[in-house]
Amino acid sequence: MTAAEFFSQFNARHWAGLALATALAGCSSPRETTLDEFTRWHDNARAQAQAGTLSWSELYRLSFDRLTAMPPSLQQDTRLENTVLLLSTARKYEANEISAQQFASERDHIETQLQARLQ
């Protein structure tokens, strides 16, 4: 093999490998993208609920709807379970069955459990 042939093959392999590495590094799975989008939406909607411009039960109802529209995953299942608990708790709070302090305490407990399960 001549030097020119070697460098020709090396150059082609180098660029093909570089293109593949770039493509793989730049891609995330659709599931990850969907979860990232959900997280961004949820953080914004949660801020609205904290500010009082969105009811807590509406936040969790919308969360449930968005989660059920996502591709199935273990993380989705975990989030759905907690969302149902949070929705139930929010409805109790909004019906004056529990106090604001009880609601905040239960919400924090459920959200802490969720974070622990997702890690």
N, C-alpha and C. Protein backbone atom coordinates (compact mmCIF):
# COMPACT_ATOMS: atom_id res chain seq x y z
N MET A 1 0.87 -1.16 0.00
CA MET A 1 0.00 0.00 0.00
C MET A 1 0.91 1.23 0.00
N THR A 2 0.59 2.13 -0.87
CA THR A 2 1.38 3.35 -0.94
C THR A 2 0.93 4.33 0.14
N ALA A 3 1.74 5.32 0.37
CA ALA A 3 1.41 6.35 1.36
C ALA A 3 0.14 7.08 0.96
N ALA A 4 -0.03 7.33 -0.33
CA ALA A 4 -1.22 8.04 -0.80
C ALA A 4 -2.47 7.21 -0.56
N GLU A 5 -2.39 5.89 -0.81
CA GLU A 5 -3.54 5.02 -0.57
C GLU A 5 -3.88 4.96 0.93
N PHE A 6 -2.82 4.87 1.76
CA PHE A 6 -3.04 4.82 3.20
C PHE A 6 -3.75 6.08 3.68
N PHE A 7 -3.25 7.24 3.29
CA PHE A 7 -3.86 8.49 3.74
C PHE A 7 -5.26 8.67 3.17
N SER A 8 -5.48 8.14 1.97
CA SER A 8 -6.81 8.22 1.37
C SER A 8 -7.80 7.40 2.20
N GLN A 9 -7.42 6.17 2.57
CA GLN A 9 -8.30 5.33 3.37
C GLN A 9 -8.44 5.87 4.79
N PHE A 10 -7.34 6.35 5.37
CA PHE A 10 -7.39 6.91 6.71
C PHE A 10 -8.32 8.12 6.74
N ASN A 11 -8.20 8.97 5.76
CA ASN A 11 -9.02 10.18 5.70
C ASN A 11 -10.50 9.83 5.59
N ALA A 12 -10.84 8.86 4.75
CA ALA A 12 -12.24 8.45 4.59
C ALA A 12 -12.77 7.85 5.90
N ARG A 13 -11.97 6.98 6.53
CA ARG A 13 -12.40 6.38 7.80
C ARG A 13 -12.52 7.44 8.89
N HIS A 14 -11.55 8.35 8.90
CA HIS A 14 -11.57 9.42 9.90
C HIS A 14 -12.85 10.23 9.79
N TRP A 15 -13.20 10.64 8.58
CA TRP A 15 -14.39 11.48 8.41
C TRP A 15 -15.67 10.69 8.67
N ALA A 16 -15.69 9.42 8.29
CA ALA A 16 -16.87 8.60 8.57
C ALA A 16 -17.05 8.42 10.07
N GLY A 17 -15.96 8.14 10.76
CA GLY A 17 -16.03 7.99 12.22
C GLY A 17 -16.43 9.28 12.90
N LEU A 18 -15.89 10.39 12.42
CA LEU A 18 -16.23 11.69 12.99
C LEU A 18 -17.71 12.00 12.76
N ALA A 19 -18.21 11.70 11.57
CA ALA A 19 -19.62 11.95 11.27
C ALA A 19 -20.53 11.09 12.16
N LEU A 20 -20.16 9.83 12.35
CA LEU A 20 -20.95 8.95 13.20
C LEU A 20 -20.93 9.43 14.65
N ALA A 21 -19.77 9.79 15.15
CA ALA A 21 -19.67 10.27 16.53
C ALA A 21 -20.48 11.54 16.72
N THR A 22 -20.43 12.43 15.76
CA THR A 22 -21.19 13.67 15.84
C THR A 22 -22.69 13.38 15.83
N ALA A 23 -23.11 12.48 14.98
CA ALA A 23 -24.54 12.14 14.90
C ALA A 23 -25.01 11.52 16.21
N LEU A 24 -24.22 10.62 16.77
CA LEU A 24 -24.61 9.98 18.02
C LEU A 24 -24.60 10.95 19.19
N ALA A 25 -23.64 11.83 19.22
CA ALA A 25 -23.56 12.79 20.33
C ALA A 25 -24.68 13.81 20.26
N GLY A 26 -25.12 14.14 19.07
CA GLY A 26 -26.15 15.17 18.92
C GLY A 26 -27.56 14.66 19.07
N CYS A 27 -27.72 13.38 19.16
CA CYS A 27 -29.07 12.82 19.22
C CYS A 27 -29.39 12.36 20.64
N SER A 28 -30.61 12.59 21.01
CA SER A 28 -31.12 11.99 22.24
C SER A 28 -32.37 11.23 21.83
N SER A 29 -32.72 10.27 22.63
CA SER A 29 -33.88 9.46 22.26
C SER A 29 -35.14 10.31 22.32
N PRO A 30 -36.14 9.97 21.52
CA PRO A 30 -37.41 10.71 21.57
C PRO A 30 -38.02 10.69 22.97
N ARG A 31 -37.82 9.60 23.70
CA ARG A 31 -38.35 9.50 25.06
C ARG A 31 -37.69 10.54 25.96
N GLU A 32 -36.35 10.69 25.86
CA GLU A 32 -35.65 11.69 26.67
C GLU A 32 -36.10 13.09 26.31
N THR A 33 -36.24 13.35 25.02
CA THR A 33 -36.68 14.67 24.58
C THR A 33 -38.07 14.96 25.11
N THR A 34 -38.96 13.99 25.04
CA THR A 34 -40.32 14.17 25.53
C THR A 34 -40.33 14.42 27.03
N LEU A 35 -39.53 13.68 27.79
CA LEU A 35 -39.45 13.90 29.24
C LEU A 35 -38.87 15.27 29.56
N ASP A 36 -37.87 15.69 28.79
CA ASP A 36 -37.29 17.02 28.99
C ASP A 36 -38.33 18.10 28.73
N GLU A 37 -39.09 17.94 27.65
CA GLU A 37 -40.14 18.91 27.33
C GLU A 37 -41.20 18.93 28.44
N PHE A 38 -41.57 17.76 28.93
CA PHE A 38 -42.55 17.69 30.01
C PHE A 38 -42.01 18.40 31.25
N THR A 39 -40.76 18.15 31.59
CA THR A 39 -40.17 18.77 32.77
C THR A 39 -40.16 20.29 32.66
N ARG A 40 -39.79 20.80 31.48
CA ARG A 40 -39.81 22.26 31.28
C ARG A 40 -41.23 22.80 31.43
N TRP A 41 -42.20 22.13 30.80
CA TRP A 41 -43.59 22.58 30.91
C TRP A 41 -44.03 22.53 32.38
N HIS A 42 -43.74 21.41 33.06
CA HIS A 42 -44.19 21.22 34.43
C HIS A 42 -43.59 22.29 35.36
N ASP A 43 -42.32 22.59 35.19
CA ASP A 43 -41.69 23.61 36.03
C ASP A 43 -42.39 24.96 35.86
N ASN A 44 -42.72 25.31 34.63
CA ASN A 44 -43.42 26.56 34.36
C ASN A 44 -44.84 26.54 34.95
N ALA A 45 -45.55 25.45 34.74
CA ALA A 45 -46.92 25.33 35.25
C ALA A 45 -46.93 25.31 36.78
N ARG A 46 -45.95 24.68 37.38
CA ARG A 46 -45.86 24.65 38.85
C ARG A 46 -45.65 26.06 39.40
N ALA A 47 -44.83 26.84 38.71
CA ALA A 47 -44.62 28.23 39.13
C ALA A 47 -45.94 29.01 39.05
N GLN A 48 -46.75 28.71 38.03
CA GLN A 48 -48.06 29.36 37.91
C GLN A 48 -48.97 28.94 39.07
N ALA A 49 -48.93 27.68 39.44
CA ALA A 49 -49.75 27.21 40.57
C ALA A 49 -49.29 27.87 41.87
N GLN A 50 -48.00 27.99 42.04
CA GLN A 50 -47.48 28.64 43.25
C GLN A 50 -47.88 30.11 43.30
N ALA A 51 -47.97 30.74 42.12
CA ALA A 51 -48.36 32.15 42.05
C ALA A 51 -49.87 32.34 42.14
N GLY A 52 -50.61 31.23 42.05
CA GLY A 52 -52.07 31.31 42.14
C GLY A 52 -52.78 31.57 40.83
N THR A 53 -52.05 31.54 39.71
CA THR A 53 -52.69 31.76 38.41
C THR A 53 -53.17 30.46 37.77
N LEU A 54 -52.85 29.33 38.38
CA LEU A 54 -53.30 28.02 37.92
C LEU A 54 -53.61 27.22 39.18
N SER A 55 -54.76 26.57 39.20
CA SER A 55 -55.09 25.78 40.40
C SER A 55 -54.19 24.55 40.45
N TRP A 56 -53.94 24.09 41.66
CA TRP A 56 -53.11 22.90 41.82
C TRP A 56 -53.73 21.69 41.14
N SER A 57 -55.04 21.54 41.28
CA SER A 57 -55.69 20.38 40.66
C SER A 57 -55.59 20.46 39.14
N GLU A 58 -55.65 21.65 38.59
CA GLU A 58 -55.51 21.81 37.13
C GLU A 58 -54.08 21.47 36.70
N LEU A 59 -53.11 21.87 37.49
CA LEU A 59 -51.72 21.51 37.19
C LEU A 59 -51.57 20.00 37.10
N TYR A 60 -52.11 19.30 38.08
CA TYR A 60 -51.94 17.84 38.10
C TYR A 60 -52.82 17.15 37.06
N ARG A 61 -53.97 17.71 36.75
CA ARG A 61 -54.80 17.15 35.68
C ARG A 61 -54.09 17.29 34.34
N LEU A 62 -53.54 18.47 34.07
CA LEU A 62 -52.80 18.68 32.83
C LEU A 62 -51.55 17.81 32.78
N SER A 63 -50.89 17.65 33.92
CA SER A 63 -49.72 16.77 33.99
C SER A 63 -50.10 15.34 33.63
N PHE A 64 -51.21 14.88 34.19
CA PHE A 64 -51.69 13.53 33.89
C PHE A 64 -51.95 13.38 32.39
N ASP A 65 -52.64 14.35 31.80
CA ASP A 65 -52.94 14.29 30.36
C ASP A 65 -51.66 14.24 29.53
N ARG A 66 -50.70 15.07 29.87
CA ARG A 66 -49.44 15.10 29.12
C ARG A 66 -48.65 13.81 29.30
N LEU A 67 -48.63 13.30 30.52
CA LEU A 67 -47.89 12.06 30.77
C LEU A 67 -48.50 10.87 30.04
N THR A 68 -49.82 10.78 30.01
CA THR A 68 -50.45 9.64 29.32
C THR A 68 -50.26 9.71 27.82
N ALA A 69 -49.96 10.89 27.29
CA ALA A 69 -49.73 11.03 25.85
C ALA A 69 -48.29 10.69 25.46
N MET A 70 -47.44 10.49 26.44
CA MET A 70 -46.03 10.20 26.18
C MET A 70 -45.81 8.72 25.91
N PRO A 71 -44.69 8.39 25.23
CA PRO A 71 -44.36 6.98 25.05
C PRO A 71 -44.15 6.31 26.41
N PRO A 72 -44.58 5.06 26.55
CA PRO A 72 -44.45 4.36 27.83
C PRO A 72 -42.99 4.24 28.29
N SER A 73 -42.78 4.43 29.57
CA SER A 73 -41.46 4.24 30.17
C SER A 73 -41.64 4.08 31.67
N LEU A 74 -40.61 3.58 32.32
CA LEU A 74 -40.66 3.41 33.77
C LEU A 74 -40.80 4.77 34.45
N GLN A 75 -40.08 5.78 33.93
CA GLN A 75 -40.17 7.11 34.51
C GLN A 75 -41.57 7.69 34.34
N GLN A 76 -42.18 7.42 33.19
CA GLN A 76 -43.55 7.89 32.97
C GLN A 76 -44.49 7.24 33.98
N ASP A 77 -44.36 5.94 34.20
CA ASP A 77 -45.22 5.24 35.16
C ASP A 77 -45.07 5.82 36.56
N THR A 78 -43.84 6.06 36.96
CA THR A 78 -43.57 6.62 38.28
C THR A 78 -44.19 8.00 38.42
N ARG A 79 -44.03 8.83 37.40
CA ARG A 79 -44.60 10.17 37.44
C ARG A 79 -46.13 10.12 37.45
N LEU A 80 -46.71 9.18 36.70
CA LEU A 80 -48.17 9.05 36.69
C LEU A 80 -48.71 8.68 38.07
N GLU A 81 -48.07 7.72 38.72
CA GLU A 81 -48.52 7.32 40.06
C GLU A 81 -48.53 8.51 41.01
N ASN A 82 -47.45 9.27 40.99
CA ASN A 82 -47.36 10.43 41.88
C ASN A 82 -48.32 11.53 41.49
N THR A 83 -48.55 11.70 40.20
CA THR A 83 -49.47 12.73 39.74
C THR A 83 -50.89 12.43 40.22
N VAL A 84 -51.28 11.17 40.20
CA VAL A 84 -52.61 10.80 40.70
C VAL A 84 -52.73 11.12 42.19
N LEU A 85 -51.69 10.81 42.95
CA LEU A 85 -51.70 11.14 44.38
C LEU A 85 -51.77 12.65 44.60
N LEU A 86 -51.00 13.39 43.81
CA LEU A 86 -51.00 14.85 43.95
C LEU A 86 -52.33 15.45 43.54
N LEU A 87 -52.95 14.91 42.50
CA LEU A 87 -54.25 15.40 42.06
C LEU A 87 -55.29 15.18 43.15
N SER A 88 -55.29 14.01 43.75
CA SER A 88 -56.22 13.71 44.83
C SER A 88 -56.01 14.66 46.01
N THR A 89 -54.77 14.88 46.36
CA THR A 89 -54.44 15.78 47.48
C THR A 89 -54.87 17.22 47.16
N ALA A 90 -54.62 17.66 45.93
CA ALA A 90 -55.01 19.02 45.53
C ALA A 90 -56.53 19.19 45.57
N ARG A 91 -57.26 18.17 45.15
CA ARG A 91 -58.72 18.27 45.19
C ARG A 91 -59.23 18.34 46.63
N LYS A 92 -58.61 17.61 47.52
CA LYS A 92 -58.99 17.69 48.94
C LYS A 92 -58.73 19.10 49.48
N TYR A 93 -57.60 19.66 49.10
CA TYR A 93 -57.26 21.01 49.55
C TYR A 93 -58.26 22.03 49.00
N GLU A 94 -58.56 21.93 47.72
CA GLU A 94 -59.47 22.89 47.09
C GLU A 94 -60.90 22.73 47.58
N ALA A 95 -61.24 21.56 48.12
CA ALA A 95 -62.57 21.33 48.70
C ALA A 95 -62.57 21.64 50.20
N ASN A 96 -61.47 22.21 50.68
CA ASN A 96 -61.31 22.57 52.10
C ASN A 96 -61.39 21.36 53.04
N GLU A 97 -61.01 20.19 52.53
CA GLU A 97 -60.97 19.00 53.37
C GLU A 97 -59.66 18.90 54.14
N ILE A 98 -58.63 19.57 53.63
CA ILE A 98 -57.35 19.65 54.34
C ILE A 98 -56.89 21.11 54.29
N SER A 99 -56.04 21.48 55.23
CA SER A 99 -55.56 22.86 55.30
C SER A 99 -54.43 23.10 54.29
N ALA A 100 -54.11 24.36 54.09
CA ALA A 100 -53.00 24.71 53.20
C ALA A 100 -51.70 24.10 53.70
N GLN A 101 -51.53 24.09 55.00
CA GLN A 101 -50.33 23.51 55.59
C GLN A 101 -50.27 22.00 55.35
N GLN A 102 -51.40 21.32 55.52
CA GLN A 102 -51.45 19.87 55.26
C GLN A 102 -51.18 19.59 53.79
N PHE A 103 -51.77 20.41 52.92
CA PHE A 103 -51.55 20.22 51.49
C PHE A 103 -50.07 20.39 51.15
N ALA A 104 -49.46 21.45 51.64
CA ALA A 104 -48.04 21.70 51.35
C ALA A 104 -47.18 20.56 51.87
N SER A 105 -47.50 20.07 53.05
CA SER A 105 -46.74 18.97 53.65
C SER A 105 -46.87 17.69 52.83
N GLU A 106 -48.10 17.34 52.46
CA GLU A 106 -48.33 16.13 51.67
C GLU A 106 -47.70 16.26 50.28
N ARG A 107 -47.85 17.43 49.67
CA ARG A 107 -47.27 17.68 48.34
C ARG A 107 -45.76 17.53 48.40
N ASP A 108 -45.12 18.13 49.39
CA ASP A 108 -43.67 18.02 49.53
C ASP A 108 -43.24 16.57 49.74
N HIS A 109 -43.99 15.83 50.56
CA HIS A 109 -43.67 14.43 50.82
C HIS A 109 -43.77 13.60 49.53
N ILE A 110 -44.84 13.77 48.77
CA ILE A 110 -45.03 13.01 47.53
C ILE A 110 -43.95 13.38 46.51
N GLU A 111 -43.65 14.68 46.39
CA GLU A 111 -42.64 15.12 45.42
C GLU A 111 -41.24 14.64 45.81
N THR A 112 -40.95 14.58 47.11
CA THR A 112 -39.66 14.07 47.58
C THR A 112 -39.53 12.59 47.25
N GLN A 113 -40.61 11.83 47.46
CA GLN A 113 -40.61 10.41 47.10
C GLN A 113 -40.40 10.23 45.60
N LEU A 114 -41.04 11.07 44.80
CA LEU A 114 -40.89 10.99 43.35
C LEU A 114 -39.43 11.20 42.96
N GLN A 115 -38.82 12.24 43.47
CA GLN A 115 -37.42 12.52 43.13
C GLN A 115 -36.51 11.36 43.53
N ALA A 116 -36.77 10.77 44.67
CA ALA A 116 -35.96 9.63 45.12
C ALA A 116 -36.14 8.44 44.18
N ARG A 117 -37.34 8.20 43.73
CA ARG A 117 -37.60 7.06 42.84
C ARG A 117 -37.03 7.28 41.45
N LEU A 118 -36.93 8.54 41.01
CA LEU A 118 -36.42 8.82 39.67
C LEU A 118 -34.90 8.75 39.59
N GLN A 119 -34.23 8.73 40.73
CA GLN A 119 -32.76 8.71 40.71
C GLN A 119 -32.20 7.33 40.71
